[in-house]
PDB file of N, CA and C in Angstrom:
ATOM      1  N   UNK A   1     -31.776  -3.182 -36.507  1.00  0.00           N
ATOM      2  CA  UNK A   1     -32.573  -4.285 -36.007  1.00  0.00           C
ATOM      3  C   UNK A   1     -32.868  -4.061 -34.528  1.00  0.00           C
ATOM      4  N   UNK A   2     -34.124  -4.058 -34.192  1.00  0.00           N
ATOM      5  CA  UNK A   2     -34.533  -3.787 -32.812  1.00  0.00           C
ATOM      6  C   UNK A   2     -34.278  -5.002 -31.928  1.00  0.00           C
ATOM      7  N   UNK A   3     -33.917  -4.723 -30.700  1.00  0.00           N
ATOM      8  CA  UNK A   3     -33.654  -5.780 -29.729  1.00  0.00           C
ATOM      9  C   UNK A   3     -34.957  -6.341 -29.184  1.00  0.00           C
ATOM     10  N   UNK A   4     -34.989  -7.645 -29.004  1.00  0.00           N
ATOM     11  CA  UNK A   4     -36.144  -8.290 -28.374  1.00  0.00           C
ATOM     12  C   UNK A   4     -36.250  -7.910 -26.898  1.00  0.00           C
ATOM     13  N   UNK A   5     -35.181  -7.358 -26.332  1.00  0.00           N
ATOM     14  CA  UNK A   5     -35.170  -6.989 -24.920  1.00  0.00           C
ATOM     15  C   UNK A   5     -35.762  -5.608 -24.647  1.00  0.00           C
ATOM     16  N   UNK A   6     -36.050  -4.837 -25.702  1.00  0.00           N
ATOM     17  CA  UNK A   6     -36.689  -3.535 -25.520  1.00  0.00           C
ATOM     18  C   UNK A   6     -38.194  -3.759 -25.409  1.00  0.00           C
ATOM     19  N   UNK A   7     -38.769  -3.264 -24.318  1.00  0.00           N
ATOM     20  CA  UNK A   7     -40.205  -3.418 -24.081  1.00  0.00           C
ATOM     21  C   UNK A   7     -40.941  -2.267 -24.760  1.00  0.00           C
ATOM     22  N   UNK A   8     -41.921  -2.598 -25.582  1.00  0.00           N
ATOM     23  CA  UNK A   8     -42.782  -1.578 -26.163  1.00  0.00           C
ATOM     24  C   UNK A   8     -43.827  -1.217 -25.118  1.00  0.00           C
ATOM     25  N   UNK A   9     -43.740   0.003 -24.644  1.00  0.00           N
ATOM     26  CA  UNK A   9     -44.634   0.451 -23.577  1.00  0.00           C
ATOM     27  C   UNK A   9     -45.889   1.094 -24.152  1.00  0.00           C
ATOM     28  N   UNK A  10     -46.999   0.832 -23.481  1.00  0.00           N
ATOM     29  CA  UNK A  10     -48.289   1.384 -23.868  1.00  0.00           C
ATOM     30  C   UNK A  10     -49.019   1.830 -22.597  1.00  0.00           C
ATOM     31  N   UNK A  11     -50.139   2.493 -22.793  1.00  0.00           N
ATOM     32  CA  UNK A  11     -50.950   2.877 -21.636  1.00  0.00           C
ATOM     33  C   UNK A  11     -51.424   1.636 -20.882  1.00  0.00           C
ATOM     34  N   UNK A  12     -51.611   0.536 -21.605  1.00  0.00           N
ATOM     35  CA  UNK A  12     -52.109  -0.696 -20.991  1.00  0.00           C
ATOM     36  C   UNK A  12     -51.072  -1.415 -20.131  1.00  0.00           C
ATOM     37  N   UNK A  13     -49.798  -1.366 -20.527  1.00  0.00           N
ATOM     38  CA  UNK A  13     -48.791  -2.132 -19.778  1.00  0.00           C
ATOM     39  C   UNK A  13     -47.838  -1.258 -18.965  1.00  0.00           C
ATOM     40  N   UNK A  14     -47.985   0.064 -18.994  1.00  0.00           N
ATOM     41  CA  UNK A  14     -47.040   0.965 -18.330  1.00  0.00           C
ATOM     42  C   UNK A  14     -46.951   0.691 -16.835  1.00  0.00           C
ATOM     43  N   UNK A  15     -48.090   0.522 -16.190  1.00  0.00           N
ATOM     44  CA  UNK A  15     -48.088   0.295 -14.747  1.00  0.00           C
ATOM     45  C   UNK A  15     -47.339  -0.999 -14.400  1.00  0.00           C
ATOM     46  N   UNK A  16     -47.639  -2.068 -15.097  1.00  0.00           N
ATOM     47  CA  UNK A  16     -47.009  -3.363 -14.802  1.00  0.00           C
ATOM     48  C   UNK A  16     -45.528  -3.372 -15.147  1.00  0.00           C
ATOM     49  N   UNK A  17     -45.163  -2.792 -16.278  1.00  0.00           N
ATOM     50  CA  UNK A  17     -43.772  -2.857 -16.750  1.00  0.00           C
ATOM     51  C   UNK A  17     -42.865  -1.819 -16.103  1.00  0.00           C
ATOM     52  N   UNK A  18     -43.426  -0.678 -15.717  1.00  0.00           N
ATOM     53  CA  UNK A  18     -42.596   0.428 -15.212  1.00  0.00           C
ATOM     54  C   UNK A  18     -42.844   0.680 -13.719  1.00  0.00           C
ATOM     55  N   UNK A  19     -44.060   1.004 -13.376  1.00  0.00           N
ATOM     56  CA  UNK A  19     -44.372   1.421 -12.009  1.00  0.00           C
ATOM     57  C   UNK A  19     -44.162   0.284 -11.014  1.00  0.00           C
ATOM     58  N   UNK A  20     -44.542  -0.933 -11.378  1.00  0.00           N
ATOM     59  CA  UNK A  20     -44.445  -2.063 -10.457  1.00  0.00           C
ATOM     60  C   UNK A  20     -43.137  -2.852 -10.599  1.00  0.00           C
ATOM     61  N   UNK A  21     -42.238  -2.423 -11.459  1.00  0.00           N
ATOM     62  CA  UNK A  21     -40.993  -3.155 -11.683  1.00  0.00           C
ATOM     63  C   UNK A  21     -40.085  -3.108 -10.456  1.00  0.00           C
ATOM     64  N   UNK A  22     -39.492  -4.258 -10.138  1.00  0.00           N
ATOM     65  CA  UNK A  22     -38.521  -4.325  -9.040  1.00  0.00           C
ATOM     66  C   UNK A  22     -37.167  -3.766  -9.470  1.00  0.00           C
ATOM     67  N   UNK A  23     -36.906  -3.765 -10.767  1.00  0.00           N
ATOM     68  CA  UNK A  23     -35.635  -3.271 -11.315  1.00  0.00           C
ATOM     69  C   UNK A  23     -35.790  -1.830 -11.796  1.00  0.00           C
ATOM     70  N   UNK A  24     -34.670  -1.121 -11.946  1.00  0.00           N
ATOM     71  CA  UNK A  24     -34.750   0.202 -12.572  1.00  0.00           C
ATOM     72  C   UNK A  24     -35.293   0.056 -13.994  1.00  0.00           C
ATOM     73  N   UNK A  25     -36.006   1.080 -14.449  1.00  0.00           N
ATOM     74  CA  UNK A  25     -36.573   1.079 -15.792  1.00  0.00           C
ATOM     75  C   UNK A  25     -36.187   2.379 -16.481  1.00  0.00           C
ATOM     76  N   UNK A  26     -35.559   2.258 -17.660  1.00  0.00           N
ATOM     77  CA  UNK A  26     -35.254   3.418 -18.499  1.00  0.00           C
ATOM     78  C   UNK A  26     -36.336   3.489 -19.560  1.00  0.00           C
ATOM     79  N   UNK A  27     -37.076   4.598 -19.575  1.00  0.00           N
ATOM     80  CA  UNK A  27     -38.143   4.787 -20.553  1.00  0.00           C
ATOM     81  C   UNK A  27     -37.709   5.857 -21.546  1.00  0.00           C
ATOM     82  N   UNK A  28     -37.713   5.481 -22.820  1.00  0.00           N
ATOM     83  CA  UNK A  28     -37.407   6.388 -23.917  1.00  0.00           C
ATOM     84  C   UNK A  28     -38.726   6.872 -24.504  1.00  0.00           C
ATOM     85  N   UNK A  29     -39.066   8.142 -24.246  1.00  0.00           N
ATOM     86  CA  UNK A  29     -40.236   8.755 -24.849  1.00  0.00           C
ATOM     87  C   UNK A  29     -39.804   9.263 -26.221  1.00  0.00           C
ATOM     88  N   UNK A  30     -40.415   8.744 -27.284  1.00  0.00           N
ATOM     89  CA  UNK A  30     -39.949   9.000 -28.643  1.00  0.00           C
ATOM     90  C   UNK A  30     -41.137   9.141 -29.599  1.00  0.00           C
ATOM     91  N   UNK A  31     -40.831   9.479 -30.855  1.00  0.00           N
ATOM     92  CA  UNK A  31     -41.826   9.505 -31.926  1.00  0.00           C
ATOM     93  C   UNK A  31     -41.126   9.126 -33.235  1.00  0.00           C
ATOM     94  N   UNK A  32     -41.895   8.577 -34.143  1.00  0.00           N
ATOM     95  CA  UNK A  32     -41.363   8.111 -35.429  1.00  0.00           C
ATOM     96  C   UNK A  32     -40.707   9.233 -36.226  1.00  0.00           C
ATOM     97  N   UNK A  33     -41.222  10.447 -36.120  1.00  0.00           N
ATOM     98  CA  UNK A  33     -40.739  11.578 -36.905  1.00  0.00           C
ATOM     99  C   UNK A  33     -39.526  12.279 -36.285  1.00  0.00           C
ATOM    100  N   UNK A  34     -39.077  11.836 -35.145  1.00  0.00           N
ATOM    101  CA  UNK A  34     -38.006  12.500 -34.381  1.00  0.00           C
ATOM    102  C   UNK A  34     -36.632  11.976 -34.800  1.00  0.00           C
ATOM    103  N   UNK A  35     -35.840  12.827 -35.427  1.00  0.00           N
ATOM    104  CA  UNK A  35     -34.499  12.441 -35.871  1.00  0.00           C
ATOM    105  C   UNK A  35     -33.580  12.007 -34.741  1.00  0.00           C
ATOM    106  N   UNK A  36     -33.444  12.813 -33.673  1.00  0.00           N
ATOM    107  CA  UNK A  36     -32.591  12.396 -32.558  1.00  0.00           C
ATOM    108  C   UNK A  36     -33.060  11.088 -31.912  1.00  0.00           C
ATOM    109  N   UNK A  37     -34.378  10.850 -31.906  1.00  0.00           N
ATOM    110  CA  UNK A  37     -34.900   9.591 -31.351  1.00  0.00           C
ATOM    111  C   UNK A  37     -34.385   8.405 -32.161  1.00  0.00           C
ATOM    112  N   UNK A  38     -34.421   8.557 -33.478  1.00  0.00           N
ATOM    113  CA  UNK A  38     -33.924   7.484 -34.351  1.00  0.00           C
ATOM    114  C   UNK A  38     -32.416   7.295 -34.163  1.00  0.00           C
ATOM    115  N   UNK A  39     -31.709   8.398 -33.926  1.00  0.00           N
ATOM    116  CA  UNK A  39     -30.261   8.343 -33.765  1.00  0.00           C
ATOM    117  C   UNK A  39     -29.865   7.524 -32.530  1.00  0.00           C
ATOM    118  N   UNK A  40     -30.621   7.640 -31.438  1.00  0.00           N
ATOM    119  CA  UNK A  40     -30.255   6.904 -30.227  1.00  0.00           C
ATOM    120  C   UNK A  40     -30.867   5.506 -30.187  1.00  0.00           C
ATOM    121  N   UNK A  41     -31.715   5.186 -31.134  1.00  0.00           N
ATOM    122  CA  UNK A  41     -32.372   3.880 -31.167  1.00  0.00           C
ATOM    123  C   UNK A  41     -31.428   2.699 -31.028  1.00  0.00           C
ATOM    124  N   UNK A  42     -30.340   2.653 -31.817  1.00  0.00           N
ATOM    125  CA  UNK A  42     -29.411   1.526 -31.676  1.00  0.00           C
ATOM    126  C   UNK A  42     -28.771   1.444 -30.287  1.00  0.00           C
ATOM    127  N   UNK A  43     -28.529   2.583 -29.651  1.00  0.00           N
ATOM    128  CA  UNK A  43     -27.974   2.574 -28.293  1.00  0.00           C
ATOM    129  C   UNK A  43     -28.982   2.015 -27.295  1.00  0.00           C
ATOM    130  N   UNK A  44     -30.243   2.347 -27.494  1.00  0.00           N
ATOM    131  CA  UNK A  44     -31.300   1.830 -26.619  1.00  0.00           C
ATOM    132  C   UNK A  44     -31.336   0.306 -26.733  1.00  0.00           C
ATOM    133  N   UNK A  45     -31.235  -0.197 -27.963  1.00  0.00           N
ATOM    134  CA  UNK A  45     -31.208  -1.651 -28.180  1.00  0.00           C
ATOM    135  C   UNK A  45     -30.020  -2.296 -27.475  1.00  0.00           C
ATOM    136  N   UNK A  46     -28.839  -1.691 -27.599  1.00  0.00           N
ATOM    137  CA  UNK A  46     -27.634  -2.237 -26.963  1.00  0.00           C
ATOM    138  C   UNK A  46     -27.777  -2.231 -25.443  1.00  0.00           C
ATOM    139  N   UNK A  47     -28.289  -1.147 -24.890  1.00  0.00           N
ATOM    140  CA  UNK A  47     -28.488  -1.075 -23.438  1.00  0.00           C
ATOM    141  C   UNK A  47     -29.445  -2.155 -22.964  1.00  0.00           C
ATOM    142  N   UNK A  48     -30.497  -2.397 -23.740  1.00  0.00           N
ATOM    143  CA  UNK A  48     -31.469  -3.431 -23.366  1.00  0.00           C
ATOM    144  C   UNK A  48     -30.799  -4.801 -23.334  1.00  0.00           C
ATOM    145  N   UNK A  49     -29.956  -5.082 -24.312  1.00  0.00           N
ATOM    146  CA  UNK A  49     -29.264  -6.374 -24.350  1.00  0.00           C
ATOM    147  C   UNK A  49     -28.257  -6.493 -23.211  1.00  0.00           C
ATOM    148  N   UNK A  50     -27.510  -5.429 -22.963  1.00  0.00           N
ATOM    149  CA  UNK A  50     -26.447  -5.463 -21.961  1.00  0.00           C
ATOM    150  C   UNK A  50     -26.983  -5.442 -20.522  1.00  0.00           C
ATOM    151  N   UNK A  51     -28.191  -4.946 -20.335  1.00  0.00           N
ATOM    152  CA  UNK A  51     -28.768  -4.847 -18.989  1.00  0.00           C
ATOM    153  C   UNK A  51     -29.881  -5.862 -18.759  1.00  0.00           C
ATOM    154  N   UNK A  52     -30.008  -6.830 -19.647  1.00  0.00           N
ATOM    155  CA  UNK A  52     -31.053  -7.835 -19.538  1.00  0.00           C
ATOM    156  C   UNK A  52     -30.964  -8.524 -18.172  1.00  0.00           C
ATOM    157  N   UNK A  53     -32.067  -8.508 -17.436  1.00  0.00           N
ATOM    158  CA  UNK A  53     -32.101  -9.124 -16.116  1.00  0.00           C
ATOM    159  C   UNK A  53     -31.756  -8.160 -14.990  1.00  0.00           C
ATOM    160  N   UNK A  54     -31.093  -7.035 -15.306  1.00  0.00           N
ATOM    161  CA  UNK A  54     -30.713  -6.051 -14.287  1.00  0.00           C
ATOM    162  C   UNK A  54     -31.587  -4.810 -14.329  1.00  0.00           C
ATOM    163  N   UNK A  55     -32.055  -4.467 -15.524  1.00  0.00           N
ATOM    164  CA  UNK A  55     -32.886  -3.275 -15.714  1.00  0.00           C
ATOM    165  C   UNK A  55     -33.794  -3.518 -16.908  1.00  0.00           C
ATOM    166  N   UNK A  56     -34.892  -2.803 -16.926  1.00  0.00           N
ATOM    167  CA  UNK A  56     -35.812  -2.861 -18.059  1.00  0.00           C
ATOM    168  C   UNK A  56     -35.603  -1.624 -18.900  1.00  0.00           C
ATOM    169  N   UNK A  57     -35.556  -1.815 -20.207  1.00  0.00           N
ATOM    170  CA  UNK A  57     -35.439  -0.703 -21.143  1.00  0.00           C
ATOM    171  C   UNK A  57     -36.706  -0.708 -21.989  1.00  0.00           C
ATOM    172  N   UNK A  58     -37.414   0.411 -21.992  1.00  0.00           N
ATOM    173  CA  UNK A  58     -38.664   0.485 -22.736  1.00  0.00           C
ATOM    174  C   UNK A  58     -38.751   1.732 -23.576  1.00  0.00           C
ATOM    175  N   UNK A  59     -39.571   1.627 -24.624  1.00  0.00           N
ATOM    176  CA  UNK A  59     -39.821   2.765 -25.509  1.00  0.00           C
ATOM    177  C   UNK A  59     -41.314   3.043 -25.518  1.00  0.00           C
ATOM    178  N   UNK A  60     -41.660   4.332 -25.397  1.00  0.00           N
ATOM    179  CA  UNK A  60     -43.050   4.738 -25.420  1.00  0.00           C
ATOM    180  C   UNK A  60     -43.248   5.775 -26.519  1.00  0.00           C
ATOM    181  N   UNK A  61     -44.070   5.449 -27.494  1.00  0.00           N
ATOM    182  CA  UNK A  61     -44.357   6.351 -28.607  1.00  0.00           C
ATOM    183  C   UNK A  61     -45.334   7.420 -28.119  1.00  0.00           C
ATOM    184  N   UNK A  62     -44.883   8.670 -28.091  1.00  0.00           N
ATOM    185  CA  UNK A  62     -45.717   9.740 -27.535  1.00  0.00           C
ATOM    186  C   UNK A  62     -46.906  10.076 -28.427  1.00  0.00           C
ATOM    187  N   UNK A  63     -46.811   9.791 -29.719  1.00  0.00           N
ATOM    188  CA  UNK A  63     -47.947  10.054 -30.604  1.00  0.00           C
ATOM    189  C   UNK A  63     -49.092   9.083 -30.325  1.00  0.00           C
ATOM    190  N   UNK A  64     -48.763   7.877 -29.907  1.00  0.00           N
ATOM    191  CA  UNK A  64     -49.777   6.864 -29.632  1.00  0.00           C
ATOM    192  C   UNK A  64     -50.259   6.901 -28.180  1.00  0.00           C
ATOM    193  N   UNK A  65     -49.460   7.492 -27.291  1.00  0.00           N
ATOM    194  CA  UNK A  65     -49.801   7.499 -25.861  1.00  0.00           C
ATOM    195  C   UNK A  65     -49.541   8.878 -25.271  1.00  0.00           C
ATOM    196  N   UNK A  66     -50.245   9.860 -25.816  1.00  0.00           N
ATOM    197  CA  UNK A  66     -50.039  11.252 -25.406  1.00  0.00           C
ATOM    198  C   UNK A  66     -50.323  11.492 -23.935  1.00  0.00           C
ATOM    199  N   UNK A  67     -51.291  10.755 -23.368  1.00  0.00           N
ATOM    200  CA  UNK A  67     -51.646  10.978 -21.969  1.00  0.00           C
ATOM    201  C   UNK A  67     -50.470  10.687 -21.041  1.00  0.00           C
ATOM    202  N   UNK A  68     -49.652   9.686 -21.363  1.00  0.00           N
ATOM    203  CA  UNK A  68     -48.481   9.389 -20.524  1.00  0.00           C
ATOM    204  C   UNK A  68     -47.402  10.459 -20.701  1.00  0.00           C
ATOM    205  N   UNK A  69     -47.251  10.957 -21.909  1.00  0.00           N
ATOM    206  CA  UNK A  69     -46.284  12.038 -22.142  1.00  0.00           C
ATOM    207  C   UNK A  69     -46.678  13.279 -21.327  1.00  0.00           C
ATOM    208  N   UNK A  70     -47.961  13.584 -21.299  1.00  0.00           N
ATOM    209  CA  UNK A  70     -48.443  14.722 -20.513  1.00  0.00           C
ATOM    210  C   UNK A  70     -48.252  14.454 -19.020  1.00  0.00           C
ATOM    211  N   UNK A  71     -48.575  13.250 -18.588  1.00  0.00           N
ATOM    212  CA  UNK A  71     -48.463  12.897 -17.164  1.00  0.00           C
ATOM    213  C   UNK A  71     -47.040  13.078 -16.656  1.00  0.00           C
ATOM    214  N   UNK A  72     -46.049  12.749 -17.509  1.00  0.00           N
ATOM    215  CA  UNK A  72     -44.652  12.859 -17.090  1.00  0.00           C
ATOM    216  C   UNK A  72     -43.976  14.118 -17.628  1.00  0.00           C
ATOM    217  N   UNK A  73     -44.790  15.090 -18.038  1.00  0.00           N
ATOM    218  CA  UNK A  73     -44.301  16.410 -18.433  1.00  0.00           C
ATOM    219  C   UNK A  73     -43.244  16.350 -19.536  1.00  0.00           C
ATOM    220  N   UNK A  74     -43.453  15.479 -20.506  1.00  0.00           N
ATOM    221  CA  UNK A  74     -42.531  15.364 -21.643  1.00  0.00           C
ATOM    222  C   UNK A  74     -42.864  16.488 -22.612  1.00  0.00           C
ATOM    223  N   UNK A  75     -41.937  17.432 -22.742  1.00  0.00           N
ATOM    224  CA  UNK A  75     -42.159  18.586 -23.598  1.00  0.00           C
ATOM    225  C   UNK A  75     -41.264  18.580 -24.815  1.00  0.00           C
ATOM    226  N   UNK A  76     -40.263  17.740 -24.804  1.00  0.00           N
ATOM    227  CA  UNK A  76     -39.301  17.655 -25.893  1.00  0.00           C
ATOM    228  C   UNK A  76     -38.843  16.204 -25.974  1.00  0.00           C
ATOM    229  N   UNK A  77     -38.552  15.738 -27.185  1.00  0.00           N
ATOM    230  CA  UNK A  77     -38.107  14.354 -27.309  1.00  0.00           C
ATOM    231  C   UNK A  77     -36.793  14.294 -28.075  1.00  0.00           C
ATOM    232  N   UNK A  78     -35.985  13.282 -27.818  1.00  0.00           N
ATOM    233  CA  UNK A  78     -36.244  12.220 -26.860  1.00  0.00           C
ATOM    234  C   UNK A  78     -36.115  12.706 -25.412  1.00  0.00           C
ATOM    235  N   UNK A  79     -37.011  12.208 -24.590  1.00  0.00           N
ATOM    236  CA  UNK A  79     -36.902  12.363 -23.140  1.00  0.00           C
ATOM    237  C   UNK A  79     -36.696  10.977 -22.568  1.00  0.00           C
ATOM    238  N   UNK A  80     -35.700  10.830 -21.725  1.00  0.00           N
ATOM    239  CA  UNK A  80     -35.374   9.541 -21.114  1.00  0.00           C
ATOM    240  C   UNK A  80     -35.534   9.668 -19.608  1.00  0.00           C
ATOM    241  N   UNK A  81     -36.417   8.842 -19.053  1.00  0.00           N
ATOM    242  CA  UNK A  81     -36.675   8.856 -17.621  1.00  0.00           C
ATOM    243  C   UNK A  81     -36.266   7.522 -17.030  1.00  0.00           C
ATOM    244  N   UNK A  82     -35.610   7.570 -15.874  1.00  0.00           N
ATOM    245  CA  UNK A  82     -35.308   6.357 -15.129  1.00  0.00           C
ATOM    246  C   UNK A  82     -36.284   6.295 -13.960  1.00  0.00           C
ATOM    247  N   UNK A  83     -36.994   5.168 -13.872  1.00  0.00           N
ATOM    248  CA  UNK A  83     -37.929   4.912 -12.778  1.00  0.00           C
ATOM    249  C   UNK A  83     -37.319   3.888 -11.840  1.00  0.00           C
ATOM    250  N   UNK A  84     -37.500   4.091 -10.559  1.00  0.00           N
ATOM    251  CA  UNK A  84     -37.092   3.124  -9.531  1.00  0.00           C
ATOM    252  C   UNK A  84     -38.159   3.182  -8.456  1.00  0.00           C
ATOM    253  N   UNK A  85     -38.701   2.041  -8.104  1.00  0.00           N
ATOM    254  CA  UNK A  85     -39.754   2.009  -7.100  1.00  0.00           C
ATOM    255  C   UNK A  85     -40.988   2.785  -7.512  1.00  0.00           C
ATOM    256  N   UNK A  86     -41.256   2.842  -8.797  1.00  0.00           N
ATOM    257  CA  UNK A  86     -42.439   3.522  -9.297  1.00  0.00           C
ATOM    258  C   UNK A  86     -42.313   5.025  -9.435  1.00  0.00           C
ATOM    259  N   UNK A  87     -41.145   5.572  -9.110  1.00  0.00           N
ATOM    260  CA  UNK A  87     -40.930   7.014  -9.158  1.00  0.00           C
ATOM    261  C   UNK A  87     -39.842   7.372 -10.166  1.00  0.00           C
ATOM    262  N   UNK A  88     -39.966   8.558 -10.768  1.00  0.00           N
ATOM    263  CA  UNK A  88     -38.905   9.058 -11.632  1.00  0.00           C
ATOM    264  C   UNK A  88     -37.744   9.482 -10.747  1.00  0.00           C
ATOM    265  N   UNK A  89     -36.572   8.896 -10.983  1.00  0.00           N
ATOM    266  CA  UNK A  89     -35.407   9.221 -10.158  1.00  0.00           C
ATOM    267  C   UNK A  89     -34.326   9.960 -10.944  1.00  0.00           C
ATOM    268  N   UNK A  90     -34.455   9.955 -12.265  1.00  0.00           N
ATOM    269  CA  UNK A  90     -33.485  10.674 -13.085  1.00  0.00           C
ATOM    270  C   UNK A  90     -34.094  10.910 -14.453  1.00  0.00           C
ATOM    271  N   UNK A  91     -33.668  12.014 -15.098  1.00  0.00           N
ATOM    272  CA  UNK A  91     -34.177  12.287 -16.435  1.00  0.00           C
ATOM    273  C   UNK A  91     -33.124  12.980 -17.274  1.00  0.00           C
ATOM    274  N   UNK A  92     -33.268  12.799 -18.584  1.00  0.00           N
ATOM    275  CA  UNK A  92     -32.414  13.473 -19.550  1.00  0.00           C
ATOM    276  C   UNK A  92     -33.281  13.830 -20.745  1.00  0.00           C
ATOM    277  N   UNK A  93     -33.048  15.007 -21.298  1.00  0.00           N
ATOM    278  CA  UNK A  93     -33.777  15.445 -22.489  1.00  0.00           C
ATOM    279  C   UNK A  93     -32.765  15.636 -23.602  1.00  0.00           C
ATOM    280  N   UNK A  94     -33.082  15.077 -24.762  1.00  0.00           N
ATOM    281  CA  UNK A  94     -32.197  15.172 -25.915  1.00  0.00           C
ATOM    282  C   UNK A  94     -31.323  13.934 -26.036  1.00  0.00           C
ATOM    283  N   UNK A  95     -30.675  13.823 -27.174  1.00  0.00           N
ATOM    284  CA  UNK A  95     -29.813  12.675 -27.427  1.00  0.00           C
ATOM    285  C   UNK A  95     -28.658  12.658 -26.434  1.00  0.00           C
ATOM    286  N   UNK A  96     -28.364  11.493 -25.927  1.00  0.00           N
ATOM    287  CA  UNK A  96     -27.270  11.288 -24.979  1.00  0.00           C
ATOM    288  C   UNK A  96     -26.401  10.144 -25.476  1.00  0.00           C
ATOM    289  N   UNK A  97     -25.195  10.057 -24.943  1.00  0.00           N
ATOM    290  CA  UNK A  97     -24.305   8.954 -25.305  1.00  0.00           C
ATOM    291  C   UNK A  97     -24.751   7.690 -24.575  1.00  0.00           C
ATOM    292  N   UNK A  98     -24.313   6.566 -25.089  1.00  0.00           N
ATOM    293  CA  UNK A  98     -24.619   5.290 -24.441  1.00  0.00           C
ATOM    294  C   UNK A  98     -24.054   5.272 -23.025  1.00  0.00           C
ATOM    295  N   UNK A  99     -22.857   5.808 -22.844  1.00  0.00           N
ATOM    296  CA  UNK A  99     -22.232   5.850 -21.522  1.00  0.00           C
ATOM    297  C   UNK A  99     -23.070   6.678 -20.548  1.00  0.00           C
ATOM    298  N   UNK A 100     -23.618   7.800 -21.012  1.00  0.00           N
ATOM    299  CA  UNK A 100     -24.467   8.630 -20.152  1.00  0.00           C
ATOM    300  C   UNK A 100     -25.722   7.871 -19.728  1.00  0.00           C
ATOM    301  N   UNK A 101     -26.326   7.162 -20.682  1.00  0.00           N
ATOM    302  CA  UNK A 101     -27.548   6.412 -20.369  1.00  0.00           C
ATOM    303  C   UNK A 101     -27.248   5.260 -19.415  1.00  0.00           C
ATOM    304  N   UNK A 102     -26.115   4.588 -19.624  1.00  0.00           N
ATOM    305  CA  UNK A 102     -25.737   3.495 -18.718  1.00  0.00           C
ATOM    306  C   UNK A 102     -25.476   4.043 -17.318  1.00  0.00           C
ATOM    307  N   UNK A 103     -24.848   5.198 -17.227  1.00  0.00           N
ATOM    308  CA  UNK A 103     -24.585   5.819 -15.924  1.00  0.00           C
ATOM    309  C   UNK A 103     -25.884   6.144 -15.210  1.00  0.00           C
ATOM    310  N   UNK A 104     -26.893   6.600 -15.965  1.00  0.00           N
ATOM    311  CA  UNK A 104     -28.197   6.887 -15.357  1.00  0.00           C
ATOM    312  C   UNK A 104     -28.764   5.617 -14.725  1.00  0.00           C
ATOM    313  N   UNK A 105     -28.641   4.489 -15.423  1.00  0.00           N
ATOM    314  CA  UNK A 105     -29.128   3.232 -14.869  1.00  0.00           C
ATOM    315  C   UNK A 105     -28.291   2.792 -13.668  1.00  0.00           C
ATOM    316  N   UNK A 106     -26.978   2.885 -13.811  1.00  0.00           N
ATOM    317  CA  UNK A 106     -26.068   2.445 -12.753  1.00  0.00           C
ATOM    318  C   UNK A 106     -26.282   3.220 -11.461  1.00  0.00           C
ATOM    319  N   UNK A 107     -26.660   4.479 -11.578  1.00  0.00           N
ATOM    320  CA  UNK A 107     -26.902   5.308 -10.390  1.00  0.00           C
ATOM    321  C   UNK A 107     -28.040   4.771  -9.539  1.00  0.00           C
ATOM    322  N   UNK A 108     -28.889   3.912 -10.137  1.00  0.00           N
ATOM    323  CA  UNK A 108     -30.089   3.467  -9.431  1.00  0.00           C
ATOM    324  C   UNK A 108     -30.215   1.944  -9.424  1.00  0.00           C
ATOM    325  N   UNK A 109     -29.100   1.264  -9.640  1.00  0.00           N
ATOM    326  CA  UNK A 109     -29.123  -0.203  -9.670  1.00  0.00           C
ATOM    327  C   UNK A 109     -29.353  -0.771  -8.288  1.00  0.00           C
TER     328      UNK A 109
END
């Protein structure tokens, strides 16, 4: 069950939700056909619930928004980028543990 706290990111809302956010933003670049992406999905939901109000957690489907994947040099998925002040401040490629993802956010709180 997906969390209501996970923001579905699109080309239309990326600037407002990510670039202009006052809080750190963890963006999960994913695709429906990606096994590791599905594997970390529940962790993404938990992080969104646990960080509600402190950080934004969003998912961007690369098949639907290829231009953003190209813009941020996403070559493999899942790719997880942390944005702070409109800039990428940390990244991870491949499935990571919930603790690793939380640490990425905590580094930029």
